[in-house]
Amino acid sequence: IAAGIGTSAIAGSIDCPIPLVPRP
């Protein structure tokens, strides 16, 4: 998974926390 800001949601589908903060 090298999906940038989409990484958290994809990893979250198996309950794995990948915490990202919004930085537009």
mmCIF file of all heavy atoms, coordinates in Angstrom:
data_MODEL
# 
_entry.id   MODEL 
# 
loop_
_atom_site.group_PDB 
_atom_site.id 
_atom_site.type_symbol 
_atom_site.label_atom_id 
_atom_site.label_alt_id 
_atom_site.label_comp_id 
_atom_site.label_asym_id 
_atom_site.label_entity_id 
_atom_site.label_seq_id 
_atom_site.pdbx_PDB_ins_code 
_atom_site.Cartn_x 
_atom_site.Cartn_y 
_atom_site.Cartn_z 
_atom_site.occupancy 
_atom_site.B_iso_or_equiv 
_atom_site.pdbx_formal_charge 
_atom_site.auth_seq_id 
_atom_site.auth_comp_id 
_atom_site.auth_asym_id 
_atom_site.auth_atom_id 
_atom_site.pdbx_PDB_model_num 
ATOM 1   N N   . ILE A 1 1  ? 0.854   -1.189 0.000  1.00 0.00 ? 1  ILE A N   1 
ATOM 2   C CA  . ILE A 1 1  ? 0.000   0.000  0.000  1.00 0.00 ? 1  ILE A CA  1 
ATOM 3   C C   . ILE A 1 1  ? 0.887   1.235  0.000  1.00 0.00 ? 1  ILE A C   1 
ATOM 4   O O   . ILE A 1 1  ? 1.564   1.533  0.989  1.00 0.00 ? 1  ILE A O   1 
ATOM 5   C CB  . ILE A 1 1  ? -0.940  0.023  1.219  1.00 0.00 ? 1  ILE A CB  1 
ATOM 6   C CG1 . ILE A 1 1  ? -1.665  -1.306 1.386  1.00 0.00 ? 1  ILE A CG1 1 
ATOM 7   C CG2 . ILE A 1 1  ? -1.952  1.161  1.087  1.00 0.00 ? 1  ILE A CG2 1 
ATOM 8   C CD1 . ILE A 1 1  ? -2.368  -1.447 2.725  1.00 0.00 ? 1  ILE A CD1 1 
ATOM 9   N N   . ALA A 1 2  ? 0.902   1.927  -1.130 1.00 0.00 ? 2  ALA A N   1 
ATOM 10  C CA  . ALA A 1 2  ? 1.663   3.171  -1.271 1.00 0.00 ? 2  ALA A CA  1 
ATOM 11  C C   . ALA A 1 2  ? 0.719   4.221  -1.843 1.00 0.00 ? 2  ALA A C   1 
ATOM 12  O O   . ALA A 1 2  ? 1.010   4.873  -2.842 1.00 0.00 ? 2  ALA A O   1 
ATOM 13  C CB  . ALA A 1 2  ? 2.870   2.956  -2.172 1.00 0.00 ? 2  ALA A CB  1 
ATOM 14  N N   . ALA A 1 3  ? -0.422  4.360  -1.185 1.00 0.00 ? 3  ALA A N   1 
ATOM 15  C CA  . ALA A 1 3  ? -1.543  5.127  -1.725 1.00 0.00 ? 3  ALA A CA  1 
ATOM 16  C C   . ALA A 1 3  ? -1.656  6.526  -1.145 1.00 0.00 ? 3  ALA A C   1 
ATOM 17  O O   . ALA A 1 3  ? -2.737  7.124  -1.184 1.00 0.00 ? 3  ALA A O   1 
ATOM 18  C CB  . ALA A 1 3  ? -2.840  4.354  -1.494 1.00 0.00 ? 3  ALA A CB  1 
ATOM 19  N N   . GLY A 1 4  ? -0.584  7.069  -0.570 1.00 0.00 ? 4  GLY A N   1 
ATOM 20  C CA  . GLY A 1 4  ? -0.638  8.419  -0.043 1.00 0.00 ? 4  GLY A CA  1 
ATOM 21  C C   . GLY A 1 4  ? -1.710  8.570  1.015  1.00 0.00 ? 4  GLY A C   1 
ATOM 22  O O   . GLY A 1 4  ? -1.819  7.732  1.926  1.00 0.00 ? 4  GLY A O   1 
ATOM 23  N N   . ILE A 1 5  ? -2.527  9.616  0.895  1.00 0.00 ? 5  ILE A N   1 
ATOM 24  C CA  . ILE A 1 5  ? -3.527  9.871  1.929  1.00 0.00 ? 5  ILE A CA  1 
ATOM 25  C C   . ILE A 1 5  ? -4.599  8.787  1.985  1.00 0.00 ? 5  ILE A C   1 
ATOM 26  O O   . ILE A 1 5  ? -5.346  8.702  2.943  1.00 0.00 ? 5  ILE A O   1 
ATOM 27  C CB  . ILE A 1 5  ? -4.182  11.259 1.754  1.00 0.00 ? 5  ILE A CB  1 
ATOM 28  C CG1 . ILE A 1 5  ? -4.926  11.359 0.422  1.00 0.00 ? 5  ILE A CG1 1 
ATOM 29  C CG2 . ILE A 1 5  ? -3.148  12.368 1.910  1.00 0.00 ? 5  ILE A CG2 1 
ATOM 30  C CD1 . ILE A 1 5  ? -5.805  12.583 0.298  1.00 0.00 ? 5  ILE A CD1 1 
ATOM 31  N N   . GLY A 1 6  ? -4.684  7.949  0.947  1.00 0.00 ? 6  GLY A N   1 
ATOM 32  C CA  . GLY A 1 6  ? -5.638  6.855  0.957  1.00 0.00 ? 6  GLY A CA  1 
ATOM 33  C C   . GLY A 1 6  ? -5.171  5.636  1.723  1.00 0.00 ? 6  GLY A C   1 
ATOM 34  O O   . GLY A 1 6  ? -5.938  4.677  1.908  1.00 0.00 ? 6  GLY A O   1 
ATOM 35  N N   . THR A 1 7  ? -3.940  5.672  2.198  1.00 0.00 ? 7  THR A N   1 
ATOM 36  C CA  . THR A 1 7  ? -3.358  4.504  2.859  1.00 0.00 ? 7  THR A CA  1 
ATOM 37  C C   . THR A 1 7  ? -4.103  4.138  4.131  1.00 0.00 ? 7  THR A C   1 
ATOM 38  O O   . THR A 1 7  ? -4.333  2.955  4.418  1.00 0.00 ? 7  THR A O   1 
ATOM 39  C CB  . THR A 1 7  ? -1.875  4.772  3.167  1.00 0.00 ? 7  THR A CB  1 
ATOM 40  O OG1 . THR A 1 7  ? -1.181  5.017  1.931  1.00 0.00 ? 7  THR A OG1 1 
ATOM 41  C CG2 . THR A 1 7  ? -1.229  3.597  3.885  1.00 0.00 ? 7  THR A CG2 1 
ATOM 42  N N   . SER A 1 8  ? -4.487  5.132  4.927  1.00 0.00 ? 8  SER A N   1 
ATOM 43  C CA  . SER A 1 8  ? -5.145  4.855  6.217  1.00 0.00 ? 8  SER A CA  1 
ATOM 44  C C   . SER A 1 8  ? -6.422  4.057  6.035  1.00 0.00 ? 8  SER A C   1 
ATOM 45  O O   . SER A 1 8  ? -6.680  3.092  6.761  1.00 0.00 ? 8  SER A O   1 
ATOM 46  C CB  . SER A 1 8  ? -5.465  6.161  6.950  1.00 0.00 ? 8  SER A CB  1 
ATOM 47  O OG  . SER A 1 8  ? -4.293  6.814  7.354  1.00 0.00 ? 8  SER A OG  1 
ATOM 48  N N   . ALA A 1 9  ? -7.250  4.445  5.060  1.00 0.00 ? 9  ALA A N   1 
ATOM 49  C CA  . ALA A 1 9  ? -8.524  3.763  4.860  1.00 0.00 ? 9  ALA A CA  1 
ATOM 50  C C   . ALA A 1 9  ? -8.314  2.327  4.391  1.00 0.00 ? 9  ALA A C   1 
ATOM 51  O O   . ALA A 1 9  ? -9.021  1.410  4.820  1.00 0.00 ? 9  ALA A O   1 
ATOM 52  C CB  . ALA A 1 9  ? -9.374  4.531  3.852  1.00 0.00 ? 9  ALA A CB  1 
ATOM 53  N N   . ILE A 1 10 ? -7.341  2.118  3.510  1.00 0.00 ? 10 ILE A N   1 
ATOM 54  C CA  . ILE A 1 10 ? -7.093  0.766  3.006  1.00 0.00 ? 10 ILE A CA  1 
ATOM 55  C C   . ILE A 1 10 ? -6.575  -0.127 4.124  1.00 0.00 ? 10 ILE A C   1 
ATOM 56  O O   . ILE A 1 10 ? -7.057  -1.247 4.317  1.00 0.00 ? 10 ILE A O   1 
ATOM 57  C CB  . ILE A 1 10 ? -6.113  0.811  1.820  1.00 0.00 ? 10 ILE A CB  1 
ATOM 58  C CG1 . ILE A 1 10 ? -6.729  1.587  0.666  1.00 0.00 ? 10 ILE A CG1 1 
ATOM 59  C CG2 . ILE A 1 10 ? -5.747  -0.610 1.377  1.00 0.00 ? 10 ILE A CG2 1 
ATOM 60  C CD1 . ILE A 1 10 ? -5.759  1.890  -0.463 1.00 0.00 ? 10 ILE A CD1 1 
ATOM 61  N N   . ALA A 1 11 ? -5.601  0.368  4.896  1.00 0.00 ? 11 ALA A N   1 
ATOM 62  C CA  . ALA A 1 11 ? -5.090  -0.416 6.030  1.00 0.00 ? 11 ALA A CA  1 
ATOM 63  C C   . ALA A 1 11 ? -6.168  -0.596 7.088  1.00 0.00 ? 11 ALA A C   1 
ATOM 64  O O   . ALA A 1 11 ? -6.235  -1.629 7.760  1.00 0.00 ? 11 ALA A O   1 
ATOM 65  C CB  . ALA A 1 11 ? -3.864  0.270  6.630  1.00 0.00 ? 11 ALA A CB  1 
ATOM 66  N N   . GLY A 1 12 ? -7.041  0.401  7.236  1.00 0.00 ? 12 GLY A N   1 
ATOM 67  C CA  . GLY A 1 12 ? -8.125  0.320  8.216  1.00 0.00 ? 12 GLY A CA  1 
ATOM 68  C C   . GLY A 1 12 ? -9.131  -0.765 7.908  1.00 0.00 ? 12 GLY A C   1 
ATOM 69  O O   . GLY A 1 12 ? -9.872  -1.207 8.802  1.00 0.00 ? 12 GLY A O   1 
ATOM 70  N N   . SER A 1 13 ? -9.169  -1.216 6.658  1.00 0.00 ? 13 SER A N   1 
ATOM 71  C CA  . SER A 1 13 ? -10.109 -2.287 6.306  1.00 0.00 ? 13 SER A CA  1 
ATOM 72  C C   . SER A 1 13 ? -9.758  -3.603 6.990  1.00 0.00 ? 13 SER A C   1 
ATOM 73  O O   . SER A 1 13 ? -10.579 -4.507 7.060  1.00 0.00 ? 13 SER A O   1 
ATOM 74  C CB  . SER A 1 13 ? -10.159 -2.477 4.790  1.00 0.00 ? 13 SER A CB  1 
ATOM 75  O OG  . SER A 1 13 ? -8.947  -3.048 4.295  1.00 0.00 ? 13 SER A OG  1 
ATOM 76  N N   . ILE A 1 14 ? -8.523  -3.717 7.506  1.00 0.00 ? 14 ILE A N   1 
ATOM 77  C CA  . ILE A 1 14 ? -8.145  -4.886 8.326  1.00 0.00 ? 14 ILE A CA  1 
ATOM 78  C C   . ILE A 1 14 ? -7.784  -4.430 9.747  1.00 0.00 ? 14 ILE A C   1 
ATOM 79  O O   . ILE A 1 14 ? -7.003  -5.081 10.447 1.00 0.00 ? 14 ILE A O   1 
ATOM 80  C CB  . ILE A 1 14 ? -7.003  -5.697 7.692  1.00 0.00 ? 14 ILE A CB  1 
ATOM 81  C CG1 . ILE A 1 14 ? -5.750  -4.828 7.485  1.00 0.00 ? 14 ILE A CG1 1 
ATOM 82  C CG2 . ILE A 1 14 ? -7.444  -6.332 6.384  1.00 0.00 ? 14 ILE A CG2 1 
ATOM 83  C CD1 . ILE A 1 14 ? -4.498  -5.634 7.144  1.00 0.00 ? 14 ILE A CD1 1 
ATOM 84  N N   . ASP A 1 15 ? -8.336  -3.278 10.144 1.00 0.00 ? 15 ASP A N   1 
ATOM 85  C CA  . ASP A 1 15 ? -8.171  -2.743 11.504 1.00 0.00 ? 15 ASP A CA  1 
ATOM 86  C C   . ASP A 1 15 ? -6.711  -2.466 11.866 1.00 0.00 ? 15 ASP A C   1 
ATOM 87  O O   . ASP A 1 15 ? -6.305  -2.640 13.015 1.00 0.00 ? 15 ASP A O   1 
ATOM 88  C CB  . ASP A 1 15 ? -8.787  -3.701 12.539 1.00 0.00 ? 15 ASP A CB  1 
ATOM 89  C CG  . ASP A 1 15 ? -10.283 -3.853 12.350 1.00 0.00 ? 15 ASP A CG  1 
ATOM 90  O OD1 . ASP A 1 15 ? -10.938 -2.848 12.019 1.00 0.00 ? 15 ASP A OD1 1 
ATOM 91  O OD2 . ASP A 1 15 ? -10.792 -4.973 12.517 1.00 0.00 ? 15 ASP A OD2 1 
ATOM 92  N N   . CYS A 1 16 ? -5.954  -1.993 10.888 1.00 0.00 ? 16 CYS A N   1 
ATOM 93  C CA  . CYS A 1 16 ? -4.567  -1.613 11.163 1.00 0.00 ? 16 CYS A CA  1 
ATOM 94  C C   . CYS A 1 16 ? -4.473  -0.091 11.184 1.00 0.00 ? 16 CYS A C   1 
ATOM 95  O O   . CYS A 1 16 ? -4.765  0.566  10.177 1.00 0.00 ? 16 CYS A O   1 
ATOM 96  C CB  . CYS A 1 16 ? -3.637  -2.172 10.096 1.00 0.00 ? 16 CYS A CB  1 
ATOM 97  S SG  . CYS A 1 16 ? -1.922  -1.647 10.324 1.00 0.00 ? 16 CYS A SG  1 
ATOM 98  N N   . PRO A 1 17 ? -4.038  0.512  12.304 1.00 0.00 ? 17 PRO A N   1 
ATOM 99  C CA  . PRO A 1 17 ? -3.972  1.979  12.378 1.00 0.00 ? 17 PRO A CA  1 
ATOM 100 C C   . PRO A 1 17 ? -2.743  2.543  11.656 1.00 0.00 ? 17 PRO A C   1 
ATOM 101 O O   . PRO A 1 17 ? -1.603  2.198  11.974 1.00 0.00 ? 17 PRO A O   1 
ATOM 102 C CB  . PRO A 1 17 ? -3.881  2.242  13.881 1.00 0.00 ? 17 PRO A CB  1 
ATOM 103 C CG  . PRO A 1 17 ? -3.227  1.017  14.444 1.00 0.00 ? 17 PRO A CG  1 
ATOM 104 C CD  . PRO A 1 17 ? -3.683  -0.135 13.590 1.00 0.00 ? 17 PRO A CD  1 
ATOM 105 N N   . ILE A 1 18 ? -2.990  3.384  10.673 1.00 0.00 ? 18 ILE A N   1 
ATOM 106 C CA  . ILE A 1 18 ? -1.928  4.138  9.997  1.00 0.00 ? 18 ILE A CA  1 
ATOM 107 C C   . ILE A 1 18 ? -2.329  5.608  10.101 1.00 0.00 ? 18 ILE A C   1 
ATOM 108 O O   . ILE A 1 18 ? -3.003  6.147  9.213  1.00 0.00 ? 18 ILE A O   1 
ATOM 109 C CB  . ILE A 1 18 ? -1.767  3.706  8.524  1.00 0.00 ? 18 ILE A CB  1 
ATOM 110 C CG1 . ILE A 1 18 ? -1.448  2.222  8.417  1.00 0.00 ? 18 ILE A CG1 1 
ATOM 111 C CG2 . ILE A 1 18 ? -0.681  4.538  7.842  1.00 0.00 ? 18 ILE A CG2 1 
ATOM 112 C CD1 . ILE A 1 18 ? -0.097  1.819  8.986  1.00 0.00 ? 18 ILE A CD1 1 
ATOM 113 N N   . PRO A 1 19 ? -1.963  6.274  11.194 1.00 0.00 ? 19 PRO A N   1 
ATOM 114 C CA  . PRO A 1 19 ? -2.474  7.633  11.441 1.00 0.00 ? 19 PRO A CA  1 
ATOM 115 C C   . PRO A 1 19 ? -1.767  8.694  10.602 1.00 0.00 ? 19 PRO A C   1 
ATOM 116 O O   . PRO A 1 19 ? -0.560  8.899  10.709 1.00 0.00 ? 19 PRO A O   1 
ATOM 117 C CB  . PRO A 1 19 ? -2.202  7.834  12.933 1.00 0.00 ? 19 PRO A CB  1 
ATOM 118 C CG  . PRO A 1 19 ? -1.040  6.944  13.236 1.00 0.00 ? 19 PRO A CG  1 
ATOM 119 C CD  . PRO A 1 19 ? -1.151  5.769  12.316 1.00 0.00 ? 19 PRO A CD  1 
ATOM 120 N N   . LEU A 1 20 ? -2.538  9.368  9.773  1.00 0.00 ? 20 LEU A N   1 
ATOM 121 C CA  . LEU A 1 20 ? -2.049  10.491 8.984  1.00 0.00 ? 20 LEU A CA  1 
ATOM 122 C C   . LEU A 1 20 ? -2.784  11.752 9.411  1.00 0.00 ? 20 LEU A C   1 
ATOM 123 O O   . LEU A 1 20 ? -3.921  11.688 9.881  1.00 0.00 ? 20 LEU A O   1 
ATOM 124 C CB  . LEU A 1 20 ? -2.284  10.247 7.489  1.00 0.00 ? 20 LEU A CB  1 
ATOM 125 C CG  . LEU A 1 20 ? -1.700  8.971  6.892  1.00 0.00 ? 20 LEU A CG  1 
ATOM 126 C CD1 . LEU A 1 20 ? -2.057  8.879  5.408  1.00 0.00 ? 20 LEU A CD1 1 
ATOM 127 C CD2 . LEU A 1 20 ? -0.199  8.900  7.084  1.00 0.00 ? 20 LEU A CD2 1 
ATOM 128 N N   . VAL A 1 21 ? -2.131  12.885 9.244  1.00 0.00 ? 21 VAL A N   1 
ATOM 129 C CA  . VAL A 1 21 ? -2.751  14.163 9.588  1.00 0.00 ? 21 VAL A CA  1 
ATOM 130 C C   . VAL A 1 21 ? -2.989  14.957 8.308  1.00 0.00 ? 21 VAL A C   1 
ATOM 131 O O   . VAL A 1 21 ? -2.231  14.834 7.339  1.00 0.00 ? 21 VAL A O   1 
ATOM 132 C CB  . VAL A 1 21 ? -1.873  14.972 10.566 1.00 0.00 ? 21 VAL A CB  1 
ATOM 133 C CG1 . VAL A 1 21 ? -1.815  14.282 11.921 1.00 0.00 ? 21 VAL A CG1 1 
ATOM 134 C CG2 . VAL A 1 21 ? -0.462  15.164 10.024 1.00 0.00 ? 21 VAL A CG2 1 
ATOM 135 N N   . PRO A 1 22 ? -4.045  15.761 8.259  1.00 0.00 ? 22 PRO A N   1 
ATOM 136 C CA  . PRO A 1 22 ? -4.319  16.545 7.044  1.00 0.00 ? 22 PRO A CA  1 
ATOM 137 C C   . PRO A 1 22 ? -3.283  17.648 6.843  1.00 0.00 ? 22 PRO A C   1 
ATOM 138 O O   . PRO A 1 22 ? -3.023  18.439 7.744  1.00 0.00 ? 22 PRO A O   1 
ATOM 139 C CB  . PRO A 1 22 ? -5.715  17.127 7.303  1.00 0.00 ? 22 PRO A CB  1 
ATOM 140 C CG  . PRO A 1 22 ? -5.878  17.108 8.793  1.00 0.00 ? 22 PRO A CG  1 
ATOM 141 C CD  . PRO A 1 22 ? -5.083  15.950 9.294  1.00 0.00 ? 22 PRO A CD  1 
ATOM 142 N N   . ARG A 1 23 ? -2.680  17.670 5.660  1.00 0.00 ? 23 ARG A N   1 
ATOM 143 C CA  . ARG A 1 23 ? -1.695  18.698 5.319  1.00 0.00 ? 23 ARG A CA  1 
ATOM 144 C C   . ARG A 1 23 ? -1.879  19.152 3.867  1.00 0.00 ? 23 ARG A C   1 
ATOM 145 O O   . ARG A 1 23 ? -1.064  18.890 3.000  1.00 0.00 ? 23 ARG A O   1 
ATOM 146 C CB  . ARG A 1 23 ? -0.264  18.173 5.526  1.00 0.00 ? 23 ARG A CB  1 
ATOM 147 C CG  . ARG A 1 23 ? 0.147   17.940 6.968  1.00 0.00 ? 23 ARG A CG  1 
ATOM 148 C CD  . ARG A 1 23 ? 0.274   19.239 7.740  1.00 0.00 ? 23 ARG A CD  1 
ATOM 149 N NE  . ARG A 1 23 ? 0.739   19.012 9.103  1.00 0.00 ? 23 ARG A NE  1 
ATOM 150 C CZ  . ARG A 1 23 ? -0.045  18.809 10.152 1.00 0.00 ? 23 ARG A CZ  1 
ATOM 151 N NH1 . ARG A 1 23 ? -1.375  18.811 9.982  1.00 0.00 ? 23 ARG A NH1 1 
ATOM 152 N NH2 . ARG A 1 23 ? 0.451   18.609 11.353 1.00 0.00 ? 23 ARG A NH2 1 
ATOM 153 N N   . PRO A 1 24 ? -2.995  19.826 3.577  1.00 0.00 ? 24 PRO A N   1 
ATOM 154 C CA  . PRO A 1 24 ? -3.207  20.302 2.207  1.00 0.00 ? 24 PRO A CA  1 
ATOM 155 C C   . PRO A 1 24 ? -2.273  21.464 1.882  1.00 0.00 ? 24 PRO A C   1 
ATOM 156 O O   . PRO A 1 24 ? -1.799  22.173 2.779  1.00 0.00 ? 24 PRO A O   1 
ATOM 157 C CB  . PRO A 1 24 ? -4.668  20.758 2.227  1.00 0.00 ? 24 PRO A CB  1 
ATOM 158 C CG  . PRO A 1 24 ? -4.884  21.193 3.646  1.00 0.00 ? 24 PRO A CG  1 
ATOM 159 C CD  . PRO A 1 24 ? -4.058  20.248 4.497  1.00 0.00 ? 24 PRO A CD  1 
# 
